[in-house]
Amino acid sequence: MVFLTAKTLKEDILSGYNVGADDYITKPFDTEVLLCKIQAILKRESPRLGQEKVQFIIGSYEFYSAL
């Protein structure tokens, strides 16, 4: 889970991580950096996914795990 928010206080960031965020990105953000972070998360998840192809939906975007 990636938090994309305008909240930049340390307490907000820590709260995001404490509820399970894999990353916390504040606005304004760079789209290329966001995509790299998503790819890194998908790579970390892939070994646990086995041979299944898993779909991740974030807003209107769809991502699929690598086999």
PDB file of N, CA and C in Angstrom:
ATOM      1  N   MET A   1       0.848  -1.157   0.000  1.00  0.00           N
ATOM      2  CA  MET A   1       0.000   0.000   0.000  1.00  0.00           C
ATOM      3  C   MET A   1       0.906   1.237   0.000  1.00  0.00           C
ATOM      4  N   VAL A   2       0.576   2.173  -0.862  1.00  0.00           N
ATOM      5  CA  VAL A   2       1.323   3.429  -0.955  1.00  0.00           C
ATOM      6  C   VAL A   2       0.370   4.570  -0.630  1.00  0.00           C
ATOM      7  N   PHE A   3       0.778   5.406   0.318  1.00  0.00           N
ATOM      8  CA  PHE A   3      -0.005   6.589   0.639  1.00  0.00           C
ATOM      9  C   PHE A   3       0.464   7.727  -0.258  1.00  0.00           C
ATOM     10  N   LEU A   4      -0.466   8.397  -0.903  1.00  0.00           N
ATOM     11  CA  LEU A   4      -0.184   9.573  -1.713  1.00  0.00           C
ATOM     12  C   LEU A   4      -1.027  10.689  -1.121  1.00  0.00           C
ATOM     13  N   THR A   5      -0.376  11.652  -0.472  1.00  0.00           N
ATOM     14  CA  THR A   5      -1.104  12.628   0.321  1.00  0.00           C
ATOM     15  C   THR A   5      -0.399  13.979   0.345  1.00  0.00           C
ATOM     16  N   ALA A   6      -1.133  14.978   0.779  1.00  0.00           N
ATOM     17  CA  ALA A   6      -0.557  16.312   0.947  1.00  0.00           C
ATOM     18  C   ALA A   6      -0.069  16.517   2.386  1.00  0.00           C
ATOM     19  N   LYS A   7      -0.363  15.560   3.264  1.00  0.00           N
ATOM     20  CA  LYS A   7       0.037  15.685   4.667  1.00  0.00           C
ATOM     21  C   LYS A   7       1.525  15.387   4.807  1.00  0.00           C
ATOM     22  N   THR A   8       2.257  16.337   5.375  1.00  0.00           N
ATOM     23  CA  THR A   8       3.712  16.205   5.453  1.00  0.00           C
ATOM     24  C   THR A   8       4.263  16.193   6.874  1.00  0.00           C
ATOM     25  N   LEU A   9       3.389  16.275   7.870  1.00  0.00           N
ATOM     26  CA  LEU A   9       3.867  16.258   9.252  1.00  0.00           C
ATOM     27  C   LEU A   9       4.419  14.885   9.607  1.00  0.00           C
ATOM     28  N   LYS A  10       5.439  14.875  10.425  1.00  0.00           N
ATOM     29  CA  LYS A  10       6.066  13.625  10.847  1.00  0.00           C
ATOM     30  C   LYS A  10       5.034  12.666  11.443  1.00  0.00           C
ATOM     31  N   GLU A  11       4.117  13.184  12.223  1.00  0.00           N
ATOM     32  CA  GLU A  11       3.093  12.354  12.855  1.00  0.00           C
ATOM     33  C   GLU A  11       2.208  11.677  11.811  1.00  0.00           C
ATOM     34  N   ASP A  12       1.879  12.389  10.732  1.00  0.00           N
ATOM     35  CA  ASP A  12       1.055  11.818   9.665  1.00  0.00           C
ATOM     36  C   ASP A  12       1.804  10.705   8.942  1.00  0.00           C
ATOM     37  N   ILE A  13       3.068  10.943   8.675  1.00  0.00           N
ATOM     38  CA  ILE A  13       3.896   9.943   7.986  1.00  0.00           C
ATOM     39  C   ILE A  13       4.018   8.688   8.836  1.00  0.00           C
ATOM     40  N   LEU A  14       4.317   8.853  10.120  1.00  0.00           N
ATOM     41  CA  LEU A  14       4.439   7.705  11.021  1.00  0.00           C
ATOM     42  C   LEU A  14       3.112   6.952  11.141  1.00  0.00           C
ATOM     43  N   SER A  15       2.008   7.682  11.187  1.00  0.00           N
ATOM     44  CA  SER A  15       0.694   7.037  11.252  1.00  0.00           C
ATOM     45  C   SER A  15       0.449   6.196  10.003  1.00  0.00           C
ATOM     46  N   GLY A  16       0.841   6.719   8.850  1.00  0.00           N
ATOM     47  CA  GLY A  16       0.685   5.970   7.600  1.00  0.00           C
ATOM     48  C   GLY A  16       1.446   4.661   7.635  1.00  0.00           C
ATOM     49  N   TYR A  17       2.695   4.723   8.061  1.00  0.00           N
ATOM     50  CA  TYR A  17       3.494   3.500   8.160  1.00  0.00           C
ATOM     51  C   TYR A  17       2.942   2.551   9.223  1.00  0.00           C
ATOM     52  N   ASN A  18       2.447   3.099  10.321  1.00  0.00           N
ATOM     53  CA  ASN A  18       1.916   2.259  11.397  1.00  0.00           C
ATOM     54  C   ASN A  18       0.652   1.506  10.999  1.00  0.00           C
ATOM     55  N   VAL A  19      -0.104   2.015  10.038  1.00  0.00           N
ATOM     56  CA  VAL A  19      -1.305   1.306   9.586  1.00  0.00           C
ATOM     57  C   VAL A  19      -1.012   0.382   8.408  1.00  0.00           C
ATOM     58  N   GLY A  20       0.267   0.283   8.014  1.00  0.00           N
ATOM     59  CA  GLY A  20       0.628  -0.720   7.009  1.00  0.00           C
ATOM     60  C   GLY A  20       1.127  -0.215   5.672  1.00  0.00           C
ATOM     61  N   ALA A  21       1.411   1.067   5.553  1.00  0.00           N
ATOM     62  CA  ALA A  21       1.904   1.597   4.278  1.00  0.00           C
ATOM     63  C   ALA A  21       3.274   1.015   3.949  1.00  0.00           C
ATOM     64  N   ASP A  22       3.488   0.687   2.669  1.00  0.00           N
ATOM     65  CA  ASP A  22       4.811   0.284   2.190  1.00  0.00           C
ATOM     66  C   ASP A  22       5.643   1.514   1.855  1.00  0.00           C
ATOM     67  N   ASP A  23       4.963   2.595   1.519  1.00  0.00           N
ATOM     68  CA  ASP A  23       5.643   3.853   1.222  1.00  0.00           C
ATOM     69  C   ASP A  23       4.665   4.996   1.426  1.00  0.00           C
ATOM     70  N   TYR A  24       5.184   6.201   1.560  1.00  0.00           N
ATOM     71  CA  TYR A  24       4.392   7.395   1.848  1.00  0.00           C
ATOM     72  C   TYR A  24       4.938   8.500   0.961  1.00  0.00           C
ATOM     73  N   ILE A  25       4.139   8.962   0.032  1.00  0.00           N
ATOM     74  CA  ILE A  25       4.582   9.976  -0.935  1.00  0.00           C
ATOM     75  C   ILE A  25       3.733  11.222  -0.749  1.00  0.00           C
ATOM     76  N   THR A  26       4.401  12.370  -0.644  1.00  0.00           N
ATOM     77  CA  THR A  26       3.670  13.621  -0.451  1.00  0.00           C
ATOM     78  C   THR A  26       3.580  14.408  -1.755  1.00  0.00           C
ATOM     79  N   LYS A  27       2.501  15.175  -1.850  1.00  0.00           N
ATOM     80  CA  LYS A  27       2.282  16.027  -3.015  1.00  0.00           C
ATOM     81  C   LYS A  27       3.091  17.303  -2.857  1.00  0.00           C
ATOM     82  N   PRO A  28       3.565  17.915  -3.895  1.00  0.00           N
ATOM     83  CA  PRO A  28       3.557  17.391  -5.269  1.00  0.00           C
ATOM     84  C   PRO A  28       4.547  16.243  -5.389  1.00  0.00           C
ATOM     85  N   PHE A  29       4.270  15.335  -6.315  1.00  0.00           N
ATOM     86  CA  PHE A  29       5.132  14.174  -6.484  1.00  0.00           C
ATOM     87  C   PHE A  29       5.509  14.031  -7.954  1.00  0.00           C
ATOM     88  N   ASP A  30       6.557  13.277  -8.189  1.00  0.00           N
ATOM     89  CA  ASP A  30       7.045  13.015  -9.538  1.00  0.00           C
ATOM     90  C   ASP A  30       6.453  11.677  -9.986  1.00  0.00           C
ATOM     91  N   THR A  31       5.760  11.653 -11.099  1.00  0.00           N
ATOM     92  CA  THR A  31       5.112  10.447 -11.599  1.00  0.00           C
ATOM     93  C   THR A  31       6.109   9.324 -11.832  1.00  0.00           C
ATOM     94  N   GLU A  32       7.280   9.656 -12.346  1.00  0.00           N
ATOM     95  CA  GLU A  32       8.302   8.637 -12.611  1.00  0.00           C
ATOM     96  C   GLU A  32       8.771   7.983 -11.310  1.00  0.00           C
ATOM     97  N   VAL A  33       8.918   8.773 -10.257  1.00  0.00           N
ATOM     98  CA  VAL A  33       9.321   8.239  -8.955  1.00  0.00           C
ATOM     99  C   VAL A  33       8.213   7.335  -8.406  1.00  0.00           C
ATOM    100  N   LEU A  34       6.965   7.763  -8.531  1.00  0.00           N
ATOM    101  CA  LEU A  34       5.837   6.952  -8.068  1.00  0.00           C
ATOM    102  C   LEU A  34       5.830   5.600  -8.771  1.00  0.00           C
ATOM    103  N   LEU A  35       5.996   5.586 -10.080  1.00  0.00           N
ATOM    104  CA  LEU A  35       6.003   4.329 -10.822  1.00  0.00           C
ATOM    105  C   LEU A  35       7.160   3.420 -10.395  1.00  0.00           C
ATOM    106  N   CYS A  36       8.322   3.995 -10.133  1.00  0.00           N
ATOM    107  CA  CYS A  36       9.469   3.205  -9.653  1.00  0.00           C
ATOM    108  C   CYS A  36       9.181   2.593  -8.290  1.00  0.00           C
ATOM    109  N   LYS A  37       8.534   3.344  -7.420  1.00  0.00           N
ATOM    110  CA  LYS A  37       8.199   2.830  -6.098  1.00  0.00           C
ATOM    111  C   LYS A  37       7.188   1.687  -6.210  1.00  0.00           C
ATOM    112  N   ILE A  38       6.220   1.819  -7.091  1.00  0.00           N
ATOM    113  CA  ILE A  38       5.230   0.755  -7.300  1.00  0.00           C
ATOM    114  C   ILE A  38       5.910  -0.490  -7.849  1.00  0.00           C
ATOM    115  N   GLN A  39       6.815  -0.311  -8.797  1.00  0.00           N
ATOM    116  CA  GLN A  39       7.544  -1.459  -9.347  1.00  0.00           C
ATOM    117  C   GLN A  39       8.364  -2.156  -8.266  1.00  0.00           C
ATOM    118  N   ALA A  40       8.990  -1.398  -7.381  1.00  0.00           N
ATOM    119  CA  ALA A  40       9.781  -1.980  -6.295  1.00  0.00           C
ATOM    120  C   ALA A  40       8.891  -2.803  -5.360  1.00  0.00           C
ATOM    121  N   ILE A  41       7.704  -2.303  -5.064  1.00  0.00           N
ATOM    122  CA  ILE A  41       6.777  -3.036  -4.203  1.00  0.00           C
ATOM    123  C   ILE A  41       6.328  -4.322  -4.888  1.00  0.00           C
ATOM    124  N   LEU A  42       6.029  -4.247  -6.170  1.00  0.00           N
ATOM    125  CA  LEU A  42       5.608  -5.442  -6.900  1.00  0.00           C
ATOM    126  C   LEU A  42       6.719  -6.484  -6.940  1.00  0.00           C
ATOM    127  N   LYS A  43       7.969  -6.052  -7.072  1.00  0.00           N
ATOM    128  CA  LYS A  43       9.097  -6.987  -7.070  1.00  0.00           C
ATOM    129  C   LYS A  43       9.228  -7.678  -5.718  1.00  0.00           C
ATOM    130  N   ARG A  44       9.010  -6.932  -4.646  1.00  0.00           N
ATOM    131  CA  ARG A  44       9.088  -7.524  -3.308  1.00  0.00           C
ATOM    132  C   ARG A  44       7.988  -8.560  -3.102  1.00  0.00           C
ATOM    133  N   GLU A  45       6.823  -8.314  -3.675  1.00  0.00           N
ATOM    134  CA  GLU A  45       5.676  -9.203  -3.505  1.00  0.00           C
ATOM    135  C   GLU A  45       5.775 -10.443  -4.380  1.00  0.00           C
ATOM    136  N   SER A  46       6.434 -10.368  -5.523  1.00  0.00           N
ATOM    137  CA  SER A  46       6.447 -11.453  -6.496  1.00  0.00           C
ATOM    138  C   SER A  46       6.875 -12.802  -5.934  1.00  0.00           C
ATOM    139  N   PRO A  47       7.949 -12.905  -5.142  1.00  0.00           N
ATOM    140  CA  PRO A  47       8.340 -14.219  -4.636  1.00  0.00           C
ATOM    141  C   PRO A  47       7.255 -14.874  -3.797  1.00  0.00           C
ATOM    142  N   ARG A  48       6.453 -14.090  -3.130  1.00  0.00           N
ATOM    143  CA  ARG A  48       5.383 -14.646  -2.294  1.00  0.00           C
ATOM    144  C   ARG A  48       4.164 -15.025  -3.111  1.00  0.00           C
ATOM    145  N   LEU A  49       4.103 -14.567  -4.340  1.00  0.00           N
ATOM    146  CA  LEU A  49       2.918 -14.791  -5.146  1.00  0.00           C
ATOM    147  C   LEU A  49       2.954 -16.114  -5.902  1.00  0.00           C
ATOM    148  N   GLY A  50       4.092 -16.750  -5.936  1.00  0.00           N
ATOM    149  CA  GLY A  50       4.205 -18.007  -6.669  1.00  0.00           C
ATOM    150  C   GLY A  50       4.004 -17.793  -8.153  1.00  0.00           C
ATOM    151  N   GLN A  51       3.268 -18.685  -8.777  1.00  0.00           N
ATOM    152  CA  GLN A  51       3.041 -18.602 -10.217  1.00  0.00           C
ATOM    153  C   GLN A  51       1.777 -17.822 -10.569  1.00  0.00           C
ATOM    154  N   GLU A  52       1.059 -17.363  -9.572  1.00  0.00           N
ATOM    155  CA  GLU A  52      -0.166 -16.615  -9.836  1.00  0.00           C
ATOM    156  C   GLU A  52       0.125 -15.233 -10.394  1.00  0.00           C
ATOM    157  N   LYS A  53      -0.736 -14.801 -11.291  1.00  0.00           N
ATOM    158  CA  LYS A  53      -0.671 -13.429 -11.784  1.00  0.00           C
ATOM    159  C   LYS A  53      -1.666 -12.635 -10.937  1.00  0.00           C
ATOM    160  N   VAL A  54      -1.172 -11.643 -10.205  1.00  0.00           N
ATOM    161  CA  VAL A  54      -2.019 -10.885  -9.296  1.00  0.00           C
ATOM    162  C   VAL A  54      -2.210  -9.477  -9.823  1.00  0.00           C
ATOM    163  N   GLN A  55      -3.436  -9.009  -9.777  1.00  0.00           N
ATOM    164  CA  GLN A  55      -3.775  -7.676 -10.255  1.00  0.00           C
ATOM    165  C   GLN A  55      -3.842  -6.714  -9.072  1.00  0.00           C
ATOM    166  N   PHE A  56      -3.222  -5.543  -9.240  1.00  0.00           N
ATOM    167  CA  PHE A  56      -3.299  -4.465  -8.266  1.00  0.00           C
ATOM    168  C   PHE A  56      -4.001  -3.302  -8.944  1.00  0.00           C
ATOM    169  N   ILE A  57      -5.002  -2.725  -8.306  1.00  0.00           N
ATOM    170  CA  ILE A  57      -5.724  -1.587  -8.872  1.00  0.00           C
ATOM    171  C   ILE A  57      -5.509  -0.392  -7.962  1.00  0.00           C
ATOM    172  N   ILE A  58      -5.008   0.695  -8.554  1.00  0.00           N
ATOM    173  CA  ILE A  58      -4.805   1.937  -7.826  1.00  0.00           C
ATOM    174  C   ILE A  58      -5.503   3.027  -8.629  1.00  0.00           C
ATOM    175  N   GLY A  59      -6.645   3.465  -8.130  1.00  0.00           N
ATOM    176  CA  GLY A  59      -7.437   4.445  -8.874  1.00  0.00           C
ATOM    177  C   GLY A  59      -7.846   3.856 -10.212  1.00  0.00           C
ATOM    178  N   SER A  60      -7.514   4.538 -11.293  1.00  0.00           N
ATOM    179  CA  SER A  60      -7.860   4.040 -12.623  1.00  0.00           C
ATOM    180  C   SER A  60      -6.716   3.265 -13.269  1.00  0.00           C
ATOM    181  N   TYR A  61      -5.657   2.960 -12.498  1.00  0.00           N
ATOM    182  CA  TYR A  61      -4.507   2.238 -13.032  1.00  0.00           C
ATOM    183  C   TYR A  61      -4.527   0.786 -12.577  1.00  0.00           C
ATOM    184  N   GLU A  62      -4.106  -0.108 -13.461  1.00  0.00           N
ATOM    185  CA  GLU A  62      -4.019  -1.523 -13.145  1.00  0.00           C
ATOM    186  C   GLU A  62      -2.578  -1.984 -13.317  1.00  0.00           C
ATOM    187  N   PHE A  63      -2.084  -2.744 -12.351  1.00  0.00           N
ATOM    188  CA  PHE A  63      -0.738  -3.304 -12.395  1.00  0.00           C
ATOM    189  C   PHE A  63      -0.833  -4.795 -12.186  1.00  0.00           C
ATOM    190  N   TYR A  64       0.029  -5.559 -12.855  1.00  0.00           N
ATOM    191  CA  TYR A  64       0.029  -7.007 -12.712  1.00  0.00           C
ATOM    192  C   TYR A  64       1.403  -7.452 -12.248  1.00  0.00           C
ATOM    193  N   SER A  65       1.410  -8.431 -11.351  1.00  0.00           N
ATOM    194  CA  SER A  65       2.682  -8.937 -10.846  1.00  0.00           C
ATOM    195  C   SER A  65       3.413  -9.679 -11.954  1.00  0.00           C
ATOM    196  N   ALA A  66       4.741  -9.659 -11.864  1.00  0.00           N
ATOM    197  CA  ALA A  66       5.557 -10.397 -12.819  1.00  0.00           C
ATOM    198  C   ALA A  66       5.519 -11.869 -12.445  1.00  0.00           C
ATOM    199  N   LEU A  67       5.540 -12.722 -13.433  1.00  0.00           N
ATOM    200  CA  LEU A  67       5.536 -14.171 -13.163  1.00  0.00           C
ATOM    201  C   LEU A  67       6.936 -14.649 -12.930  1.00  0.00           C
TER     202      LEU A  67
END
